[in-house]
Amino acid sequence: MIETTLWHPVALSHAVALSHAVEQAPLAVQLLQHALVLWRDGQGRVQAFTDRCPHRGARLSLGRVQGGRIECPYHGWQFAAGGQCVHVPALPQFTPPATHCARHHGVVEANGLVWVQLEAGDAVPPAFEAEGDARLRKLNCGPYDVATSAPRIVENFLDMAHFGFVHDGWLGTREATAIDDYRVEPTPTGLRATGCKAWQPQSNLHSTAPAQVEYTYEVTGPYTAVLTKVPEAGTTAVAGWRESIALFVCPLTPETSRVWFRLAVADFESPDEKLQAFQHTIFTQDQPVLESQTPQRLPLDLRAELHTAADKASSAYRRYLRASGITFGVC
């Protein structure tokens, strides 16, 4: 399954206990129906193991982390970074062989999140171009647990035609629902949609007037996407306002997902909670509609659901998933 060779977000970095704590609790997470455990070794590096002790199958996440090792809750077997068992308390003089190891997975930290790759491959974590822009402040919003597939969530993120209905009074209005033509082109990571425009009563936290807002969307991986939005001049309290929002989805099961947003905004004054509250309002308007869609898995056969020119980006996204060989969360 190609999805196991991709990098997926599984937790906020700060949710994994710091390595200088005297005793740390490991963190249980799920990815692609696999139970994982996250913990930090003595150097502070995050480790990602299958959440199963190879001795008698107990969950390592019920154990503890001490002295740069994770300890099984059942018999106290200790495992070092990389998965090797280094201590068996019942046999203090025993040197565990190389075969005595927990299964470990690729793990990196980026964009304030922990990313895991279940099986080695050539993929790299999806890029967020705004991350390196010092003129934009970054913070995360979420997680949100959503009862639908990861592709359904990405497709909603790319869709502008729902603004006037799901986000009436915020990102759209029922009196201005027409979608002008826009351009969609393939990229090495997915697709890019440009020239996307929407009339919005309140396009962002600092809106002072309704505005025509120009969007650019980019799919950066099967389960990740980024939008940038720039409202017309003079419609925000912050001069030169611009923002970029990354959507990072962890596919828990084919029909359940965990979602984070990475915000990059031209605002260094507002408290985190205020910036997060706007994004929270928007996504919690989306969530009940997303969870109502059937089937929960995204149909890749374009004949399974109806399409119009306004759905150009989402139709291109479905074609991209099919061409990429994605099978998890689709039908």
C-alpha atoms as a PDB file:
ATOM      1  CA  MET A   1       0.000   0.000   0.000  1.00  0.00           C
ATOM      2  CA  ILE A   2       1.615   3.247  -1.181  1.00  0.00           C
ATOM      3  CA  GLU A   3       0.157   5.199   1.751  1.00  0.00           C
ATOM      4  CA  THR A   4       2.514   3.469   4.205  1.00  0.00           C
ATOM      5  CA  THR A   5       5.535   5.009   2.425  1.00  0.00           C
ATOM      6  CA  LEU A   6       4.160   8.551   2.734  1.00  0.00           C
ATOM      7  CA  TRP A   7       4.788  10.862   5.687  1.00  0.00           C
ATOM      8  CA  HIS A   8       1.735  11.566   7.849  1.00  0.00           C
ATOM      9  CA  PRO A   9       1.154  13.929  10.797  1.00  0.00           C
ATOM     10  CA  VAL A  10       0.272  12.054  13.979  1.00  0.00           C
ATOM     11  CA  ALA A  11       0.615  14.508  16.897  1.00  0.00           C
ATOM     12  CA  LEU A  12       1.608  18.002  17.921  1.00  0.00           C
ATOM     13  CA  SER A  13       5.303  18.102  18.796  1.00  0.00           C
ATOM     14  CA  HIS A  14       4.658  19.507  22.269  1.00  0.00           C
ATOM     15  CA  ALA A  15       2.281  16.614  23.015  1.00  0.00           C
ATOM     16  CA  VAL A  16       5.271  14.248  23.168  1.00  0.00           C
ATOM     17  CA  ALA A  17       6.801  14.674  26.637  1.00  0.00           C
ATOM     18  CA  LEU A  18      10.168  16.386  26.898  1.00  0.00           C
ATOM     19  CA  SER A  19      13.170  14.130  27.379  1.00  0.00           C
ATOM     20  CA  HIS A  20      14.493  15.978  30.454  1.00  0.00           C
ATOM     21  CA  ALA A  21      11.499  14.929  32.559  1.00  0.00           C
ATOM     22  CA  VAL A  22      12.396  12.450  35.298  1.00  0.00           C
ATOM     23  CA  GLU A  23       9.717  10.057  34.109  1.00  0.00           C
ATOM     24  CA  GLN A  24       7.677  10.528  30.948  1.00  0.00           C
ATOM     25  CA  ALA A  25       4.443   9.024  29.725  1.00  0.00           C
ATOM     26  CA  PRO A  26       4.620   7.786  26.136  1.00  0.00           C
ATOM     27  CA  LEU A  27       1.909   8.923  23.723  1.00  0.00           C
ATOM     28  CA  ALA A  28      -0.399   6.479  21.923  1.00  0.00           C
ATOM     29  CA  VAL A  29      -1.469   7.514  18.398  1.00  0.00           C
ATOM     30  CA  GLN A  30      -3.045   5.849  15.378  1.00  0.00           C
ATOM     31  CA  LEU A  31      -2.142   5.962  11.691  1.00  0.00           C
ATOM     32  CA  LEU A  32      -3.595   3.965   8.805  1.00  0.00           C
ATOM     33  CA  GLN A  33      -5.199   1.565  11.312  1.00  0.00           C
ATOM     34  CA  HIS A  34      -1.798   0.981  12.958  1.00  0.00           C
ATOM     35  CA  ALA A  35      -1.391   1.590  16.697  1.00  0.00           C
ATOM     36  CA  LEU A  36       1.803   3.559  17.370  1.00  0.00           C
ATOM     37  CA  VAL A  37       3.587   4.910  20.431  1.00  0.00           C
ATOM     38  CA  LEU A  38       5.635   8.128  20.457  1.00  0.00           C
ATOM     39  CA  TRP A  39       8.321   9.006  22.987  1.00  0.00           C
ATOM     40  CA  ARG A  40      11.558  10.996  23.260  1.00  0.00           C
ATOM     41  CA  ASP A  41      14.956   9.422  23.749  1.00  0.00           C
ATOM     42  CA  GLY A  42      17.802  10.796  25.884  1.00  0.00           C
ATOM     43  CA  GLN A  43      18.754  13.278  23.151  1.00  0.00           C
ATOM     44  CA  GLY A  44      15.216  14.615  22.922  1.00  0.00           C
ATOM     45  CA  ARG A  45      14.540  12.977  19.550  1.00  0.00           C
ATOM     46  CA  VAL A  46      11.052  11.613  18.956  1.00  0.00           C
ATOM     47  CA  GLN A  47      10.849   7.857  18.449  1.00  0.00           C
ATOM     48  CA  ALA A  48       7.895   6.092  16.792  1.00  0.00           C
ATOM     49  CA  PHE A  49       7.351   2.397  17.538  1.00  0.00           C
ATOM     50  CA  THR A  50       4.553  -0.006  16.769  1.00  0.00           C
ATOM     51  CA  ASP A  51       2.566   0.011  20.024  1.00  0.00           C
ATOM     52  CA  ARG A  52       3.270  -3.612  20.821  1.00  0.00           C
ATOM     53  CA  CYS A  53       5.987  -5.220  22.902  1.00  0.00           C
ATOM     54  CA  PRO A  54       7.537  -8.079  20.891  1.00  0.00           C
ATOM     55  CA  HIS A  55       7.765 -10.202  24.046  1.00  0.00           C
ATOM     56  CA  ARG A  56       4.085 -10.793  24.924  1.00  0.00           C
ATOM     57  CA  GLY A  57       2.232  -8.184  22.893  1.00  0.00           C
ATOM     58  CA  ALA A  58       1.419  -5.629  25.611  1.00  0.00           C
ATOM     59  CA  ARG A  59       0.930  -1.992  24.601  1.00  0.00           C
ATOM     60  CA  LEU A  60       4.146  -0.046  25.139  1.00  0.00           C
ATOM     61  CA  SER A  61       2.092   3.133  25.491  1.00  0.00           C
ATOM     62  CA  LEU A  62       0.916   1.820  28.891  1.00  0.00           C
ATOM     63  CA  GLY A  63       4.515   1.790  30.092  1.00  0.00           C
ATOM     64  CA  ARG A  64       6.889   4.620  30.886  1.00  0.00           C
ATOM     65  CA  VAL A  65       9.969   6.367  29.516  1.00  0.00           C
ATOM     66  CA  GLN A  66      12.966   6.677  31.784  1.00  0.00           C
ATOM     67  CA  GLY A  67      16.656   7.201  31.192  1.00  0.00           C
ATOM     68  CA  GLY A  68      16.195   7.525  27.446  1.00  0.00           C
ATOM     69  CA  ARG A  69      14.448   4.161  27.133  1.00  0.00           C
ATOM     70  CA  ILE A  70      10.821   3.046  26.846  1.00  0.00           C
ATOM     71  CA  GLU A  71       9.763   0.347  29.290  1.00  0.00           C
ATOM     72  CA  CYS A  72       7.045  -2.244  28.701  1.00  0.00           C
ATOM     73  CA  PRO A  73       4.344  -2.207  31.408  1.00  0.00           C
ATOM     74  CA  TYR A  74       4.103  -6.029  31.538  1.00  0.00           C
ATOM     75  CA  HIS A  75       7.607  -7.404  32.212  1.00  0.00           C
ATOM     76  CA  GLY A  76       9.673  -4.210  32.194  1.00  0.00           C
ATOM     77  CA  TRP A  77      11.615  -4.921  29.031  1.00  0.00           C
ATOM     78  CA  GLN A  78      13.428  -1.738  28.018  1.00  0.00           C
ATOM     79  CA  PHE A  79      13.970  -0.573  24.448  1.00  0.00           C
ATOM     80  CA  ALA A  80      16.388   2.077  23.241  1.00  0.00           C
ATOM     81  CA  ALA A  81      16.106   4.458  20.301  1.00  0.00           C
ATOM     82  CA  GLY A  82      15.849   2.439  17.106  1.00  0.00           C
ATOM     83  CA  GLY A  83      13.936  -0.373  18.832  1.00  0.00           C
ATOM     84  CA  GLN A  84      16.669  -2.606  20.259  1.00  0.00           C
ATOM     85  CA  CYS A  85      15.860  -4.285  23.576  1.00  0.00           C
ATOM     86  CA  VAL A  86      18.638  -3.396  26.019  1.00  0.00           C
ATOM     87  CA  HIS A  87      17.381  -4.810  29.325  1.00  0.00           C
ATOM     88  CA  VAL A  88      15.280  -7.776  30.497  1.00  0.00           C
ATOM     89  CA  PRO A  89      14.700  -7.401  34.265  1.00  0.00           C
ATOM     90  CA  ALA A  90      13.978 -11.114  34.791  1.00  0.00           C
ATOM     91  CA  LEU A  91      17.489 -11.890  33.448  1.00  0.00           C
ATOM     92  CA  PRO A  92      19.740  -9.010  34.579  1.00  0.00           C
ATOM     93  CA  GLN A  93      22.901 -10.534  33.045  1.00  0.00           C
ATOM     94  CA  PHE A  94      21.246 -11.364  29.707  1.00  0.00           C
ATOM     95  CA  THR A  95      22.358  -9.436  26.623  1.00  0.00           C
ATOM     96  CA  PRO A  96      19.390  -9.308  24.245  1.00  0.00           C
ATOM     97  CA  PRO A  97      20.289 -10.261  20.657  1.00  0.00           C
ATOM     98  CA  ALA A  98      19.510  -8.074  17.652  1.00  0.00           C
ATOM     99  CA  THR A  99      16.316 -10.045  17.050  1.00  0.00           C
ATOM    100  CA  HIS A 100      14.902  -8.769  20.350  1.00  0.00           C
ATOM    101  CA  CYS A 101      13.609  -5.438  19.107  1.00  0.00           C
ATOM    102  CA  ALA A 102      10.452  -3.378  18.845  1.00  0.00           C
ATOM    103  CA  ARG A 103       9.369  -2.317  15.383  1.00  0.00           C
ATOM    104  CA  HIS A 104      10.362   1.295  14.792  1.00  0.00           C
ATOM    105  CA  HIS A 105       9.282   3.720  12.064  1.00  0.00           C
ATOM    106  CA  GLY A 106      10.639   6.806  10.382  1.00  0.00           C
ATOM    107  CA  VAL A 107       9.848   9.983  12.313  1.00  0.00           C
ATOM    108  CA  VAL A 108      10.588  13.708  11.893  1.00  0.00           C
ATOM    109  CA  GLU A 109       9.331  16.935  13.421  1.00  0.00           C
ATOM    110  CA  ALA A 110       8.151  19.707  11.097  1.00  0.00           C
ATOM    111  CA  ASN A 111       5.505  22.449  11.139  1.00  0.00           C
ATOM    112  CA  GLY A 112       5.001  21.945  14.871  1.00  0.00           C
ATOM    113  CA  LEU A 113       3.932  18.334  14.279  1.00  0.00           C
ATOM    114  CA  VAL A 114       5.374  14.840  14.498  1.00  0.00           C
ATOM    115  CA  TRP A 115       5.349  13.051  11.125  1.00  0.00           C
ATOM    116  CA  VAL A 116       5.643   9.273  10.736  1.00  0.00           C
ATOM    117  CA  GLN A 117       6.479   7.053   7.768  1.00  0.00           C
ATOM    118  CA  LEU A 118       5.382   3.467   8.421  1.00  0.00           C
ATOM    119  CA  GLU A 119       7.609   1.940   5.725  1.00  0.00           C
ATOM    120  CA  ALA A 120      10.808   3.344   4.243  1.00  0.00           C
ATOM    121  CA  GLY A 121      10.409   5.076   0.905  1.00  0.00           C
ATOM    122  CA  ASP A 122      11.529   8.060  -1.148  1.00  0.00           C
ATOM    123  CA  ALA A 123       8.738  10.406  -0.043  1.00  0.00           C
ATOM    124  CA  VAL A 124       9.487  13.530   1.982  1.00  0.00           C
ATOM    125  CA  PRO A 125       7.126  15.332   4.397  1.00  0.00           C
ATOM    126  CA  PRO A 126       4.847  17.780   2.547  1.00  0.00           C
ATOM    127  CA  ALA A 127       6.308  21.270   2.311  1.00  0.00           C
ATOM    128  CA  PHE A 128       4.656  24.413   3.677  1.00  0.00           C
ATOM    129  CA  GLU A 129       6.301  27.255   1.795  1.00  0.00           C
ATOM    130  CA  ALA A 130       5.211  29.914   4.288  1.00  0.00           C
ATOM    131  CA  GLU A 131       7.111  28.152   7.085  1.00  0.00           C
ATOM    132  CA  GLY A 132      10.334  29.951   6.172  1.00  0.00           C
ATOM    133  CA  ASP A 133       8.750  33.411   5.794  1.00  0.00           C
ATOM    134  CA  ALA A 134       9.801  35.489   8.811  1.00  0.00           C
ATOM    135  CA  ARG A 135       7.089  38.052   7.986  1.00  0.00           C
ATOM    136  CA  LEU A 136       4.407  35.540   8.908  1.00  0.00           C
ATOM    137  CA  ARG A 137       3.668  34.164  12.357  1.00  0.00           C
ATOM    138  CA  LYS A 138       3.045  30.412  12.600  1.00  0.00           C
ATOM    139  CA  LEU A 139       0.800  28.479  14.936  1.00  0.00           C
ATOM    140  CA  ASN A 140      -1.251  25.312  14.877  1.00  0.00           C
ATOM    141  CA  CYS A 141      -4.974  24.802  15.301  1.00  0.00           C
ATOM    142  CA  GLY A 142      -6.427  21.430  16.267  1.00  0.00           C
ATOM    143  CA  PRO A 143      -6.509  18.511  16.381  1.00  0.00           C
ATOM    144  CA  TYR A 144     -10.043  17.763  15.237  1.00  0.00           C
ATOM    145  CA  ASP A 145     -11.300  14.184  15.070  1.00  0.00           C
ATOM    146  CA  VAL A 146     -13.643  13.871  12.113  1.00  0.00           C
ATOM    147  CA  ALA A 147     -15.866  10.936  11.169  1.00  0.00           C
ATOM    148  CA  THR A 148     -15.033  10.900   7.487  1.00  0.00           C
ATOM    149  CA  SER A 149     -12.144   9.986   5.212  1.00  0.00           C
ATOM    150  CA  ALA A 150      -9.054  12.127   4.753  1.00  0.00           C
ATOM    151  CA  PRO A 151      -9.770  12.712   1.023  1.00  0.00           C
ATOM    152  CA  ARG A 152     -13.259  14.051   1.782  1.00  0.00           C
ATOM    153  CA  ILE A 153     -11.648  16.619   4.102  1.00  0.00           C
ATOM    154  CA  VAL A 154      -9.050  17.678   1.534  1.00  0.00           C
ATOM    155  CA  GLU A 155     -11.705  18.026  -1.158  1.00  0.00           C
ATOM    156  CA  ASN A 156     -13.804  20.261   1.121  1.00  0.00           C
ATOM    157  CA  PHE A 157     -10.724  22.436   1.711  1.00  0.00           C
ATOM    158  CA  LEU A 158     -10.380  22.942  -2.070  1.00  0.00           C
ATOM    159  CA  ASP A 159     -14.059  23.797  -2.565  1.00  0.00           C
ATOM    160  CA  MET A 160     -15.286  27.412  -2.824  1.00  0.00           C
ATOM    161  CA  ALA A 161     -18.881  26.755  -3.910  1.00  0.00           C
ATOM    162  CA  HIS A 162     -19.941  25.884  -0.349  1.00  0.00           C
ATOM    163  CA  PHE A 163     -18.823  29.228   1.147  1.00  0.00           C
ATOM    164  CA  GLY A 164     -22.186  30.986   0.756  1.00  0.00           C
ATOM    165  CA  PHE A 165     -24.076  28.152   2.437  1.00  0.00           C
ATOM    166  CA  VAL A 166     -21.860  26.506   5.055  1.00  0.00           C
ATOM    167  CA  HIS A 167     -20.042  29.758   5.932  1.00  0.00           C
ATOM    168  CA  ASP A 168     -22.871  32.267   5.290  1.00  0.00           C
ATOM    169  CA  GLY A 169     -21.936  35.614   6.850  1.00  0.00           C
ATOM    170  CA  TRP A 170     -18.286  34.640   7.180  1.00  0.00           C
ATOM    171  CA  LEU A 171     -16.521  33.343   4.060  1.00  0.00           C
ATOM    172  CA  GLY A 172     -19.557  33.812   1.845  1.00  0.00           C
ATOM    173  CA  THR A 173     -23.155  34.846   1.486  1.00  0.00           C
ATOM    174  CA  ARG A 174     -26.203  33.366  -0.225  1.00  0.00           C
ATOM    175  CA  GLU A 175     -26.504  36.580  -2.245  1.00  0.00           C
ATOM    176  CA  ALA A 176     -23.112  36.074  -3.965  1.00  0.00           C
ATOM    177  CA  THR A 177     -22.511  32.399  -4.733  1.00  0.00           C
ATOM    178  CA  ALA A 178     -21.285  32.506  -8.348  1.00  0.00           C
ATOM    179  CA  ILE A 179     -17.841  30.993  -8.919  1.00  0.00           C
ATOM    180  CA  ASP A 180     -15.749  32.599 -11.645  1.00  0.00           C
ATOM    181  CA  ASP A 181     -13.608  30.381 -13.812  1.00  0.00           C
ATOM    182  CA  TYR A 182     -10.173  29.563 -12.437  1.00  0.00           C
ATOM    183  CA  ARG A 183      -7.104  27.633 -13.557  1.00  0.00           C
ATOM    184  CA  VAL A 184      -6.013  24.186 -12.345  1.00  0.00           C
ATOM    185  CA  GLU A 185      -2.689  22.658 -13.321  1.00  0.00           C
ATOM    186  CA  PRO A 186      -0.753  19.590 -12.168  1.00  0.00           C
ATOM    187  CA  THR A 187       2.356  19.906  -9.994  1.00  0.00           C
ATOM    188  CA  PRO A 188       4.950  17.342  -8.873  1.00  0.00           C
ATOM    189  CA  THR A 189       3.083  16.964  -5.544  1.00  0.00           C
ATOM    190  CA  GLY A 190      -0.515  17.177  -6.766  1.00  0.00           C
ATOM    191  CA  LEU A 191      -2.136  20.267  -8.252  1.00  0.00           C
ATOM    192  CA  ARG A 192      -2.386  24.034  -8.029  1.00  0.00           C
ATOM    193  CA  ALA A 193      -5.518  26.148  -8.524  1.00  0.00           C
ATOM    194  CA  THR A 194      -4.997  29.853  -9.256  1.00  0.00           C
ATOM    195  CA  GLY A 195      -7.214  32.818 -10.006  1.00  0.00           C
ATOM    196  CA  CYS A 196      -9.802  31.626  -7.462  1.00  0.00           C
ATOM    197  CA  LYS A 197     -11.980  34.486  -6.232  1.00  0.00           C
ATOM    198  CA  ALA A 198     -14.691  34.770  -3.605  1.00  0.00           C
ATOM    199  CA  TRP A 199     -16.691  37.661  -2.183  1.00  0.00           C
ATOM    200  CA  GLN A 200     -16.547  37.369   1.598  1.00  0.00           C
ATOM    201  CA  PRO A 201     -18.309  39.339   4.372  1.00  0.00           C
ATOM    202  CA  GLN A 202     -15.552  38.439   6.864  1.00  0.00           C
ATOM    203  CA  SER A 203     -12.575  36.878   5.198  1.00  0.00           C
ATOM    204  CA  ASN A 204     -10.337  36.871   8.280  1.00  0.00           C
ATOM    205  CA  LEU A 205     -10.067  37.856  11.924  1.00  0.00           C
ATOM    206  CA  HIS A 206      -9.180  41.475  11.073  1.00  0.00           C
ATOM    207  CA  SER A 207     -11.765  42.160   8.377  1.00  0.00           C
ATOM    208  CA  THR A 208     -13.272  45.668   8.527  1.00  0.00           C
ATOM    209  CA  ALA A 209     -15.421  45.386   5.383  1.00  0.00           C
ATOM    210  CA  PRO A 210     -16.631  42.773   2.904  1.00  0.00           C
ATOM    211  CA  ALA A 211     -13.937  41.968   0.367  1.00  0.00           C
ATOM    212  CA  GLN A 212     -13.165  40.256  -2.872  1.00  0.00           C
ATOM    213  CA  VAL A 213     -10.547  37.690  -1.845  1.00  0.00           C
ATOM    214  CA  GLU A 214      -8.140  35.906  -4.152  1.00  0.00           C
ATOM    215  CA  TYR A 215      -7.211  32.340  -3.263  1.00  0.00           C
ATOM    216  CA  THR A 216      -4.496  30.013  -4.446  1.00  0.00           C
ATOM    217  CA  TYR A 217      -4.833  26.333  -3.558  1.00  0.00           C
ATOM    218  CA  GLU A 218      -2.130  23.700  -3.730  1.00  0.00           C
ATOM    219  CA  VAL A 219      -2.370  19.984  -3.027  1.00  0.00           C
ATOM    220  CA  THR A 220       1.005  19.071  -1.522  1.00  0.00           C
ATOM    221  CA  GLY A 221       0.298  15.359  -0.978  1.00  0.00           C
ATOM    222  CA  PRO A 222      -2.612  12.934  -1.026  1.00  0.00           C
ATOM    223  CA  TYR A 223      -3.830  14.098   2.391  1.00  0.00           C
ATOM    224  CA  THR A 224      -2.383  17.621   2.634  1.00  0.00           C
ATOM    225  CA  ALA A 225      -3.130  20.962   1.027  1.00  0.00           C
ATOM    226  CA  VAL A 226      -2.316  24.651   1.381  1.00  0.00           C
ATOM    227  CA  LEU A 227      -4.292  27.784   0.612  1.00  0.00           C
ATOM    228  CA  THR A 228      -3.121  31.367   0.465  1.00  0.00           C
ATOM    229  CA  LYS A 229      -5.608  34.219   0.514  1.00  0.00           C
ATOM    230  CA  VAL A 230      -5.207  37.930  -0.050  1.00  0.00           C
ATOM    231  CA  PRO A 231      -8.192  40.272   0.469  1.00  0.00           C
ATOM    232  CA  GLU A 232      -8.483  43.475  -1.553  1.00  0.00           C
ATOM    233  CA  ALA A 233      -6.619  46.447  -0.097  1.00  0.00           C
ATOM    234  CA  GLY A 234      -8.288  48.530   2.575  1.00  0.00           C
ATOM    235  CA  THR A 235     -10.589  45.818   3.933  1.00  0.00           C
ATOM    236  CA  THR A 236      -8.577  44.738   6.982  1.00  0.00           C
ATOM    237  CA  ALA A 237      -7.408  46.446  10.148  1.00  0.00           C
ATOM    238  CA  VAL A 238      -3.898  45.088   9.520  1.00  0.00           C
ATOM    239  CA  ALA A 239      -2.263  46.782   6.542  1.00  0.00           C
ATOM    240  CA  GLY A 240      -0.933  44.341   3.963  1.00  0.00           C
ATOM    241  CA  TRP A 241      -2.799  41.424   5.525  1.00  0.00           C
ATOM    242  CA  ARG A 242      -2.079  38.049   3.984  1.00  0.00           C
ATOM    243  CA  GLU A 243      -2.219  34.528   5.243  1.00  0.00           C
ATOM    244  CA  SER A 244      -1.412  30.972   4.307  1.00  0.00           C
ATOM    245  CA  ILE A 245      -3.152  27.967   5.843  1.00  0.00           C
ATOM    246  CA  ALA A 246      -1.939  24.388   5.582  1.00  0.00           C
ATOM    247  CA  LEU A 247      -4.310  21.465   6.059  1.00  0.00           C
ATOM    248  CA  PHE A 248      -2.599  18.372   7.461  1.00  0.00           C
ATOM    249  CA  VAL A 249      -4.790  15.265   7.780  1.00  0.00           C
ATOM    250  CA  CYS A 250      -3.876  12.030   9.528  1.00  0.00           C
ATOM    251  CA  PRO A 251      -5.864   9.101   8.082  1.00  0.00           C
ATOM    252  CA  LEU A 252      -6.720   7.086  11.194  1.00  0.00           C
ATOM    253  CA  THR A 253      -8.967   4.560   9.441  1.00  0.00           C
ATOM    254  CA  PRO A 254     -10.504   4.625   5.954  1.00  0.00           C
ATOM    255  CA  GLU A 255     -13.457   6.585   7.391  1.00  0.00           C
ATOM    256  CA  THR A 256     -12.027   8.547  10.339  1.00  0.00           C
ATOM    257  CA  SER A 257      -9.380  11.271  10.394  1.00  0.00           C
ATOM    258  CA  ARG A 258      -7.510  13.685  12.632  1.00  0.00           C
ATOM    259  CA  VAL A 259      -6.995  17.209  11.332  1.00  0.00           C
ATOM    260  CA  TRP A 260      -4.602  20.047  12.059  1.00  0.00           C
ATOM    261  CA  PHE A 261      -4.289  23.484  10.489  1.00  0.00           C
ATOM    262  CA  ARG A 262      -0.969  25.314  10.350  1.00  0.00           C
ATOM    263  CA  LEU A 263      -1.631  29.052  10.233  1.00  0.00           C
ATOM    264  CA  ALA A 264       0.875  31.560   8.836  1.00  0.00           C
ATOM    265  CA  VAL A 265      -0.480  35.066   9.297  1.00  0.00           C
ATOM    266  CA  ALA A 266       0.724  38.682   9.169  1.00  0.00           C
ATOM    267  CA  ASP A 267      -0.253  39.240  12.800  1.00  0.00           C
ATOM    268  CA  PHE A 268       2.256  39.199  15.642  1.00  0.00           C
ATOM    269  CA  GLU A 269      -0.005  40.979  18.142  1.00  0.00           C
ATOM    270  CA  SER A 270      -3.145  38.882  18.665  1.00  0.00           C
ATOM    271  CA  PRO A 271      -3.004  36.059  21.229  1.00  0.00           C
ATOM    272  CA  ASP A 272      -2.876  32.533  19.848  1.00  0.00           C
ATOM    273  CA  GLU A 273      -6.344  31.801  21.174  1.00  0.00           C
ATOM    274  CA  LYS A 274      -7.898  34.630  19.153  1.00  0.00           C
ATOM    275  CA  LEU A 275      -6.304  33.499  15.887  1.00  0.00           C
ATOM    276  CA  GLN A 276      -7.208  29.881  16.549  1.00  0.00           C
ATOM    277  CA  ALA A 277     -10.801  30.809  17.414  1.00  0.00           C
ATOM    278  CA  PHE A 278     -11.498  32.130  13.907  1.00  0.00           C
ATOM    279  CA  GLN A 279     -10.183  28.968  12.284  1.00  0.00           C
ATOM    280  CA  HIS A 280     -12.094  26.879  14.818  1.00  0.00           C
ATOM    281  CA  THR A 281     -15.329  28.637  13.913  1.00  0.00           C
ATOM    282  CA  ILE A 282     -14.839  27.988  10.218  1.00  0.00           C
ATOM    283  CA  PHE A 283     -13.926  24.308  10.553  1.00  0.00           C
ATOM    284  CA  THR A 284     -16.668  23.480  13.019  1.00  0.00           C
ATOM    285  CA  GLN A 285     -19.117  24.840  10.443  1.00  0.00           C
ATOM    286  CA  ASP A 286     -17.631  22.379   7.928  1.00  0.00           C
ATOM    287  CA  GLN A 287     -17.453  19.369  10.235  1.00  0.00           C
ATOM    288  CA  PRO A 288     -21.137  18.349  10.511  1.00  0.00           C
ATOM    289  CA  VAL A 289     -21.561  18.618   6.743  1.00  0.00           C
ATOM    290  CA  LEU A 290     -18.411  16.576   6.140  1.00  0.00           C
ATOM    291  CA  GLU A 291     -19.620  13.896   8.529  1.00  0.00           C
ATOM    292  CA  SER A 292     -22.992  13.767   6.767  1.00  0.00           C
ATOM    293  CA  GLN A 293     -21.554  12.896   3.349  1.00  0.00           C
ATOM    294  CA  THR A 294     -22.066   9.395   1.999  1.00  0.00           C
ATOM    295  CA  PRO A 295     -20.135   7.439   1.179  1.00  0.00           C
ATOM    296  CA  GLN A 296     -17.557   8.555   3.707  1.00  0.00           C
ATOM    297  CA  ARG A 297     -14.806   7.340   1.392  1.00  0.00           C
ATOM    298  CA  LEU A 298     -14.200   9.600  -1.598  1.00  0.00           C
ATOM    299  CA  PRO A 299     -15.371   8.072  -4.908  1.00  0.00           C
ATOM    300  CA  LEU A 300     -12.591   8.184  -7.513  1.00  0.00           C
ATOM    301  CA  ASP A 301     -14.876   7.132 -10.348  1.00  0.00           C
ATOM    302  CA  LEU A 302     -15.994  10.519 -11.664  1.00  0.00           C
ATOM    303  CA  ARG A 303     -19.309   8.950 -12.676  1.00  0.00           C
ATOM    304  CA  ALA A 304     -20.206   8.178  -9.057  1.00  0.00           C
ATOM    305  CA  GLU A 305     -21.140  11.786  -8.209  1.00  0.00           C
ATOM    306  CA  LEU A 306     -22.125  14.814 -10.299  1.00  0.00           C
ATOM    307  CA  HIS A 307     -19.659  17.549 -11.246  1.00  0.00           C
ATOM    308  CA  THR A 308     -19.743  21.059 -12.702  1.00  0.00           C
ATOM    309  CA  ALA A 309     -17.119  23.571 -13.812  1.00  0.00           C
ATOM    310  CA  ALA A 310     -17.165  24.986 -10.271  1.00  0.00           C
ATOM    311  CA  ASP A 311     -15.801  21.609  -9.078  1.00  0.00           C
ATOM    312  CA  LYS A 312     -12.730  21.762 -11.304  1.00  0.00           C
ATOM    313  CA  ALA A 313     -10.215  21.545  -8.441  1.00  0.00           C
ATOM    314  CA  SER A 314     -11.926  18.674  -6.641  1.00  0.00           C
ATOM    315  CA  SER A 315     -12.327  16.691  -9.874  1.00  0.00           C
ATOM    316  CA  ALA A 316      -8.610  17.177 -10.567  1.00  0.00           C
ATOM    317  CA  TYR A 317      -7.856  16.036  -7.012  1.00  0.00           C
ATOM    318  CA  ARG A 318      -9.778  12.795  -7.566  1.00  0.00           C
ATOM    319  CA  ARG A 319      -7.888  12.144 -10.789  1.00  0.00           C
ATOM    320  CA  TYR A 320      -4.597  12.799  -8.982  1.00  0.00           C
ATOM    321  CA  LEU A 321      -5.450  10.296  -6.225  1.00  0.00           C
ATOM    322  CA  ARG A 322      -6.333   7.649  -8.792  1.00  0.00           C
ATOM    323  CA  ALA A 323      -3.121   8.249 -10.764  1.00  0.00           C
ATOM    324  CA  SER A 324      -1.080   8.092  -7.543  1.00  0.00           C
ATOM    325  CA  GLY A 325      -2.452   4.666  -6.617  1.00  0.00           C
ATOM    326  CA  ILE A 326      -4.130   5.864  -3.401  1.00  0.00           C
ATOM    327  CA  THR A 327      -6.497   3.254  -1.941  1.00  0.00           C
ATOM    328  CA  PHE A 328      -6.948   4.340   1.692  1.00  0.00           C
ATOM    329  CA  GLY A 329     -10.057   6.476   2.261  1.00  0.00           C
ATOM    330  CA  VAL A 330     -11.337   6.186  -1.307  1.00  0.00           C
ATOM    331  CA  CYS A 331     -13.752   3.947  -3.143  1.00  0.00           C
END
